[in-house]
Amino acid sequence: MPETVLVTGGAGYIGSTICSALEDAGHNPIILDSLVSGDTGMIGNRPFYRGDVSDPRVIAEIFADHPHITCCIHCAALAIVPDSVDRPLDYYSNNVSGTIDLIRSLMHHGCSKVVFSSSASVYDTAPGPEVTETSPTRPLSPYARTKLIMEMVLEDLAEASGLKALSLRYFNPIGADPRMRSGQRQQVASQIMSVLVEVASGHRPAFYVTGTEWPTRDGTGVRDYVHVWDLARAHVAAVEKIDKIFPDEGGSEIINLGTGTGVTVREFVHAFERVLGRSVHTIDAPPRPGDVAGAYASIGKAERLLGWRPELSLEEGIHHALEWAERSRE
């Protein structure tokens, strides 16, 4: 049955791709975005409301226009790790206080299902690189702490109020919508893919390999790079399966979204060069504030609860990102 879904941050890279996946599956996304980092070019013909998630007036307007909203996918957040170290108050205000205000408004309007964008940065990687949902947590940046705090808030609300919440711990999204409807379009590129694309196009002189003495096979950080389209499909599955996961009353679950495979930064650069067909200039550098050695996901829980597995490869993610960047320059 088609669902009407509120997608906060729906004009952003991940949120807009989720909207496309929802539409492809027959659902109706409604976008709320402040456009602080979102892009109007990602909205398309979808219903769109500009505003902050903490503003109950804009939430009331959305529900007045779309009373059949059944679920909220909450992607809107400040999300740059080094920036969070410099501006912790802004991150706690936006990612924690703002999200609590949003959930209060959702519940006021009868919406009791939330799919929350969390992060693998909450994990403590010391015990080993592969992490399950029960692995120890030790967030090292204000950004990561805001995500862990909100997971705990959702768990408490689910127990107290009947809220149904799925916290999806993203590993490292890459790529673009294979149909080129959305992709990475940041004013300040910070992720490995967007930075490499800028280096390849001549907009940056070099790619800095930040951290070369981590306890990994080549000294660079390990990441689990999941194609953004696979990530988007997981959100569709979450919307469609949440009532089956919690059939009788509220509840909260945490689910990893990754590929189950770890790739070092150097390995990623080499894969990028293979797809690009030429080398890019790299410079070894110290780790950034808040960086960690990294980890990769155990995805058995996503398979079991969501019926989801990633389908697209690292090379496909790189190819789609390069194609998106080329089209964006035209």
Protein backbone atom coordinates (compact mmCIF):
# COMPACT_ATOMS: atom_id res chain seq x y z
CA MET A 1 0.00 0.00 0.00
CA PRO A 2 1.42 3.44 -0.89
CA GLU A 3 2.64 5.46 2.08
CA THR A 4 2.89 9.23 2.43
CA VAL A 5 6.27 9.89 4.03
CA LEU A 6 7.74 13.11 5.41
CA VAL A 7 11.44 13.29 4.50
CA THR A 8 13.40 15.91 6.41
CA GLY A 9 16.53 16.98 4.59
CA GLY A 10 14.87 15.79 1.41
CA ALA A 11 16.72 18.36 -0.70
CA GLY A 12 20.09 16.94 0.34
CA TYR A 13 22.27 14.26 -1.18
CA ILE A 14 20.93 11.27 0.75
CA GLY A 15 17.43 12.63 1.41
CA SER A 16 16.71 13.38 -2.24
CA THR A 17 17.93 9.93 -3.29
CA ILE A 18 15.62 8.40 -0.68
CA CYS A 19 12.75 10.42 -2.16
CA SER A 20 13.47 8.96 -5.61
CA ALA A 21 13.59 5.44 -4.20
CA LEU A 22 10.29 6.01 -2.38
CA GLU A 23 8.65 7.22 -5.59
CA ASP A 24 10.02 4.28 -7.57
CA ALA A 25 8.42 1.98 -4.99
CA GLY A 26 5.05 3.74 -5.31
CA HIS A 27 5.20 5.93 -2.21
CA ASN A 28 4.67 9.69 -1.83
CA PRO A 29 7.52 11.71 -0.28
CA ILE A 30 6.89 15.14 1.24
CA ILE A 31 10.06 17.22 1.65
CA LEU A 32 10.95 19.48 4.57
CA ASP A 33 14.32 21.20 4.22
CA SER A 34 15.84 24.42 5.54
CA LEU A 35 18.10 24.64 2.45
CA VAL A 36 21.07 25.44 4.68
CA SER A 37 22.90 22.69 2.82
CA GLY A 38 20.09 21.35 0.62
CA ASP A 39 19.66 22.15 -3.05
CA THR A 40 16.42 23.21 -4.72
CA GLY A 41 17.59 21.34 -7.82
CA MET A 42 17.09 18.08 -5.92
CA ILE A 43 13.43 18.70 -5.10
CA GLY A 44 11.86 18.06 -8.50
CA ASN A 45 8.06 18.20 -8.53
CA ARG A 46 7.65 16.83 -5.02
CA PRO A 47 5.70 18.75 -2.37
CA PHE A 48 8.27 20.94 -0.63
CA TYR A 49 8.25 23.01 2.55
CA ARG A 50 11.12 25.27 3.50
CA GLY A 51 11.67 25.43 7.22
CA ASP A 52 13.40 24.08 10.27
CA VAL A 53 12.48 20.73 11.80
CA SER A 54 12.23 22.41 15.21
CA ASP A 55 9.45 24.77 14.07
CA PRO A 56 6.04 23.35 15.06
CA ARG A 57 4.29 25.81 12.73
CA VAL A 58 5.81 24.35 9.57
CA ILE A 59 5.08 20.81 10.81
CA ALA A 60 1.47 21.84 11.44
CA GLU A 61 1.25 23.29 7.93
CA ILE A 62 2.61 20.08 6.42
CA PHE A 63 0.12 17.88 8.28
CA ALA A 64 -2.75 20.23 7.43
CA ASP A 65 -1.90 19.79 3.75
CA HIS A 66 -1.00 16.09 4.01
CA PRO A 67 -2.97 14.53 6.87
CA HIS A 68 -2.21 10.99 5.70
CA ILE A 69 1.52 11.12 6.49
CA THR A 70 2.28 7.83 8.22
CA CYS A 71 6.04 7.95 8.74
CA CYS A 72 8.94 10.40 8.95
CA ILE A 73 12.40 9.69 7.57
CA HIS A 74 14.61 12.14 9.45
CA CYS A 75 17.76 12.94 7.45
CA ALA A 76 18.14 16.63 8.27
CA ALA A 77 21.27 17.27 10.35
CA LEU A 78 24.54 19.09 10.59
CA ALA A 79 26.96 16.37 9.55
CA ILE A 80 30.61 17.40 9.15
CA VAL A 81 32.87 15.86 11.80
CA PRO A 82 35.66 18.52 11.96
CA ASP A 83 33.04 21.28 11.89
CA SER A 84 31.31 19.69 14.87
CA VAL A 85 34.55 19.87 16.86
CA ASP A 86 34.67 23.63 16.23
CA ARG A 87 30.93 24.25 16.66
CA PRO A 88 29.62 21.71 19.18
CA LEU A 89 26.81 23.91 20.48
CA ASP A 90 25.33 24.28 17.00
CA TYR A 91 25.45 20.51 16.51
CA TYR A 92 23.74 19.71 19.81
CA SER A 93 21.14 22.41 19.20
CA ASN A 94 20.33 21.23 15.68
CA ASN A 95 20.81 17.47 15.86
CA VAL A 96 19.50 16.83 19.37
CA SER A 97 17.20 19.66 20.47
CA GLY A 98 15.82 20.17 16.97
CA THR A 99 15.13 16.47 16.52
CA ILE A 100 13.34 16.26 19.86
CA ASP A 101 11.17 19.21 18.81
CA LEU A 102 10.42 17.43 15.53
CA ILE A 103 9.38 14.21 17.24
CA ARG A 104 7.17 16.12 19.65
CA SER A 105 5.42 17.74 16.68
CA LEU A 106 5.11 14.43 14.81
CA MET A 107 3.49 12.73 17.77
CA HIS A 108 1.18 15.69 18.28
CA HIS A 109 -0.09 15.14 14.74
CA GLY A 110 -0.48 11.39 15.18
CA CYS A 111 2.66 10.26 13.36
CA SER A 112 4.32 7.59 15.49
CA LYS A 113 6.79 6.02 13.03
CA VAL A 114 10.30 7.44 12.61
CA VAL A 115 13.23 6.24 10.53
CA PHE A 116 16.29 8.04 11.88
CA SER A 117 19.54 8.71 10.02
CA SER A 118 22.24 7.66 12.46
CA SER A 119 25.93 7.02 11.89
CA ALA A 120 28.58 4.34 12.22
CA SER A 121 30.78 7.01 13.80
CA VAL A 122 29.17 6.10 17.13
CA TYR A 123 31.19 2.86 17.32
CA ASP A 124 34.33 2.13 19.29
CA THR A 125 36.64 0.47 16.77
CA ALA A 126 39.17 -0.74 19.34
CA PRO A 127 37.78 -4.31 19.72
CA GLY A 128 38.02 -4.95 15.95
CA PRO A 129 37.10 -3.51 12.56
CA GLU A 130 33.81 -5.41 12.05
CA VAL A 131 30.96 -4.07 14.13
CA THR A 132 27.52 -5.38 14.95
CA GLU A 133 24.71 -3.32 16.39
CA THR A 134 25.73 -4.51 19.88
CA SER A 135 29.41 -3.58 19.51
CA PRO A 136 30.70 -1.03 22.03
CA THR A 137 30.07 2.62 21.26
CA ARG A 138 32.56 5.42 21.82
CA PRO A 139 31.72 8.47 19.73
CA LEU A 140 34.75 10.71 19.40
CA SER A 141 33.20 13.85 17.90
CA PRO A 142 30.26 16.05 18.86
CA TYR A 143 28.57 15.00 15.60
CA ALA A 144 28.80 11.32 16.52
CA ARG A 145 27.63 12.02 20.07
CA THR A 146 24.51 13.76 18.78
CA LYS A 147 23.61 10.63 16.84
CA LEU A 148 24.11 8.31 19.80
CA ILE A 149 22.15 10.62 22.09
CA MET A 150 19.21 10.62 19.68
CA GLU A 151 19.25 6.82 19.41
CA MET A 152 18.86 6.68 23.19
CA VAL A 153 16.11 9.32 23.14
CA LEU A 154 14.20 7.30 20.55
CA GLU A 155 14.59 4.14 22.62
CA ASP A 156 13.20 5.91 25.69
CA LEU A 157 10.30 7.40 23.74
CA ALA A 158 9.45 4.05 22.19
CA GLU A 159 9.22 2.47 25.61
CA ALA A 160 7.19 5.31 27.10
CA SER A 161 4.89 6.40 24.29
CA GLY A 162 4.43 3.70 21.67
CA LEU A 163 6.74 5.36 19.13
CA LYS A 164 8.09 3.00 16.47
CA ALA A 165 11.68 3.94 15.63
CA LEU A 166 14.37 2.49 13.39
CA SER A 167 17.81 4.07 13.77
CA LEU A 168 19.83 3.29 10.66
CA ARG A 169 23.56 3.54 11.25
CA TYR A 170 25.02 4.69 7.94
CA PHE A 171 28.53 3.73 7.09
CA ASN A 172 30.02 5.76 4.20
CA PRO A 173 27.61 6.67 1.37
CA ILE A 174 29.09 7.09 -2.10
CA GLY A 175 27.83 7.41 -5.66
CA ALA A 176 24.69 8.94 -7.10
CA ASP A 177 21.24 7.85 -8.19
CA PRO A 178 21.98 5.49 -11.12
CA ARG A 179 19.30 7.39 -13.10
CA MET A 180 21.12 10.67 -12.35
CA ARG A 181 18.23 12.33 -10.51
CA SER A 182 20.41 13.24 -7.52
CA GLY A 183 24.00 13.16 -6.33
CA GLN A 184 26.62 14.86 -4.22
CA ARG A 185 26.37 18.63 -4.54
CA GLN A 186 27.99 20.33 -1.56
CA GLN A 187 29.21 23.89 -1.33
CA VAL A 188 32.17 22.63 0.68
CA ALA A 189 33.13 19.09 -0.29
CA SER A 190 34.24 17.04 2.70
CA GLN A 191 33.67 13.37 1.86
CA ILE A 192 36.33 11.28 0.15
CA MET A 193 34.38 10.89 -3.10
CA SER A 194 33.52 14.55 -3.55
CA VAL A 195 37.09 15.61 -2.75
CA LEU A 196 38.57 13.12 -5.22
CA VAL A 197 36.15 14.32 -7.89
CA GLU A 198 37.33 17.90 -7.30
CA VAL A 199 40.97 16.81 -7.55
CA ALA A 200 40.27 14.89 -10.75
CA SER A 201 38.53 17.91 -12.28
CA GLY A 202 41.34 20.29 -11.34
CA HIS A 203 39.41 22.21 -8.67
CA ARG A 204 41.75 21.01 -5.92
CA PRO A 205 45.50 20.47 -6.21
CA ALA A 206 45.66 17.21 -4.27
CA PHE A 207 43.82 14.65 -2.15
CA TYR A 208 45.08 14.56 1.42
CA VAL A 209 45.27 11.08 2.93
CA THR A 210 44.51 12.14 6.50
CA GLY A 211 46.03 9.57 8.81
CA THR A 212 48.64 7.06 7.64
CA GLU A 213 49.54 5.31 10.90
CA TRP A 214 46.25 3.70 11.86
CA PRO A 215 46.39 -0.01 12.88
CA THR A 216 45.16 -1.17 9.45
CA ARG A 217 46.70 -3.17 6.60
CA ASP A 218 48.21 -0.10 4.92
CA GLY A 219 48.07 2.47 7.74
CA THR A 220 45.13 4.42 6.33
CA GLY A 221 41.63 4.44 7.73
CA VAL A 222 39.19 1.65 6.94
CA ARG A 223 35.69 2.55 5.79
CA ASP A 224 32.66 0.66 4.55
CA TYR A 225 31.55 2.47 1.39
CA VAL A 226 27.88 1.81 0.62
CA HIS A 227 26.24 3.03 -2.58
CA VAL A 228 23.74 5.79 -1.83
CA TRP A 229 21.10 4.01 -3.93
CA ASP A 230 21.45 0.88 -1.80
CA LEU A 231 21.16 3.12 1.26
CA ALA A 232 17.99 4.68 -0.17
CA ARG A 233 16.47 1.25 -0.85
CA ALA A 234 17.05 0.35 2.78
CA HIS A 235 14.93 3.33 3.85
CA VAL A 236 12.11 2.18 1.60
CA ALA A 237 12.34 -1.24 3.22
CA ALA A 238 12.29 0.40 6.66
CA VAL A 239 9.08 2.29 5.85
CA GLU A 240 7.47 -0.86 4.46
CA LYS A 241 8.61 -3.21 7.26
CA ILE A 242 8.38 -1.06 10.39
CA ASP A 243 4.88 -2.27 11.31
CA LYS A 244 5.97 -5.87 10.79
CA ILE A 245 9.00 -5.31 13.02
CA PHE A 246 6.77 -3.77 15.71
CA PRO A 247 3.36 -5.40 15.07
CA ASP A 248 1.62 -4.73 18.38
CA GLU A 249 3.20 -1.75 20.11
CA GLY A 250 6.05 0.68 19.94
CA GLY A 251 9.69 -0.26 19.87
CA SER A 252 13.15 0.81 18.77
CA GLU A 253 15.80 -1.02 16.77
CA ILE A 254 19.26 -0.06 15.55
CA ILE A 255 20.34 -1.39 12.14
CA ASN A 256 23.70 -1.15 10.37
CA LEU A 257 23.67 -0.08 6.72
CA GLY A 258 26.91 -0.95 4.99
CA THR A 259 28.32 -3.58 2.68
CA GLY A 260 30.10 -5.81 5.17
CA THR A 261 33.44 -5.08 3.48
CA GLY A 262 36.18 -2.75 4.70
CA VAL A 263 38.14 -0.63 2.22
CA THR A 264 41.15 1.47 3.21
CA VAL A 265 41.53 5.04 2.01
CA ARG A 266 44.45 4.06 -0.21
CA GLU A 267 42.44 1.18 -1.69
CA PHE A 268 39.61 3.59 -2.40
CA VAL A 269 41.97 6.00 -4.16
CA HIS A 270 43.33 3.16 -6.30
CA ALA A 271 39.78 2.06 -7.22
CA PHE A 272 38.95 5.67 -8.11
CA GLU A 273 42.01 5.87 -10.34
CA ARG A 274 41.04 2.62 -12.11
CA VAL A 275 37.56 3.90 -12.89
CA LEU A 276 38.89 7.35 -13.85
CA GLY A 277 41.59 5.86 -16.05
CA ARG A 278 44.42 7.98 -14.66
CA SER A 279 46.16 8.78 -11.39
CA VAL A 280 45.36 11.61 -9.00
CA HIS A 281 47.82 13.53 -6.84
CA THR A 282 47.75 12.49 -3.17
CA ILE A 283 49.57 13.86 -0.12
CA ASP A 284 49.92 12.06 3.21
CA ALA A 285 48.73 14.18 6.14
CA PRO A 286 47.93 13.89 9.86
CA PRO A 287 44.44 12.77 10.91
CA ARG A 288 41.72 15.39 11.26
CA PRO A 289 40.16 16.21 14.64
CA GLY A 290 37.59 13.55 15.48
CA ASP A 291 38.84 11.01 12.91
CA VAL A 292 38.98 7.32 13.84
CA ALA A 293 40.66 4.23 12.37
CA GLY A 294 37.29 3.15 11.04
CA ALA A 295 35.21 0.02 10.77
CA TYR A 296 32.97 -1.98 8.49
CA ALA A 297 29.48 -3.25 9.10
CA SER A 298 28.02 -6.57 10.01
CA ILE A 299 24.78 -6.43 7.99
CA GLY A 300 22.99 -9.58 9.13
CA LYS A 301 20.38 -7.61 11.06
CA ALA A 302 19.48 -5.52 8.01
CA GLU A 303 19.07 -8.72 6.02
CA ARG A 304 16.88 -10.26 8.72
CA LEU A 305 14.64 -7.30 9.62
CA LEU A 306 14.52 -5.37 6.35
CA GLY A 307 15.14 -8.10 3.79
CA TRP A 308 17.86 -5.82 2.43
CA ARG A 309 21.28 -6.42 0.94
CA PRO A 310 23.52 -4.01 -0.97
CA GLU A 311 23.55 -4.64 -4.71
CA LEU A 312 25.94 -2.07 -6.21
CA SER A 313 29.75 -2.28 -6.13
CA LEU A 314 32.41 0.20 -5.06
CA GLU A 315 33.36 0.73 -8.70
CA GLU A 316 29.73 1.39 -9.66
CA GLY A 317 29.52 3.97 -6.90
CA ILE A 318 32.64 5.70 -8.20
CA HIS A 319 31.37 5.55 -11.79
CA HIS A 320 28.00 7.06 -10.84
CA ALA A 321 29.68 9.82 -8.81
CA LEU A 322 31.92 10.73 -11.73
CA GLU A 323 28.98 10.69 -14.14
CA TRP A 324 27.00 12.95 -11.81
CA ALA A 325 29.92 15.36 -11.47
CA GLU A 326 30.32 15.52 -15.24
CA ARG A 327 26.61 16.22 -15.77
CA SER A 328 26.64 18.86 -13.03
CA ARG A 329 29.38 20.76 -14.86
CA GLU A 330 27.42 20.84 -18.14
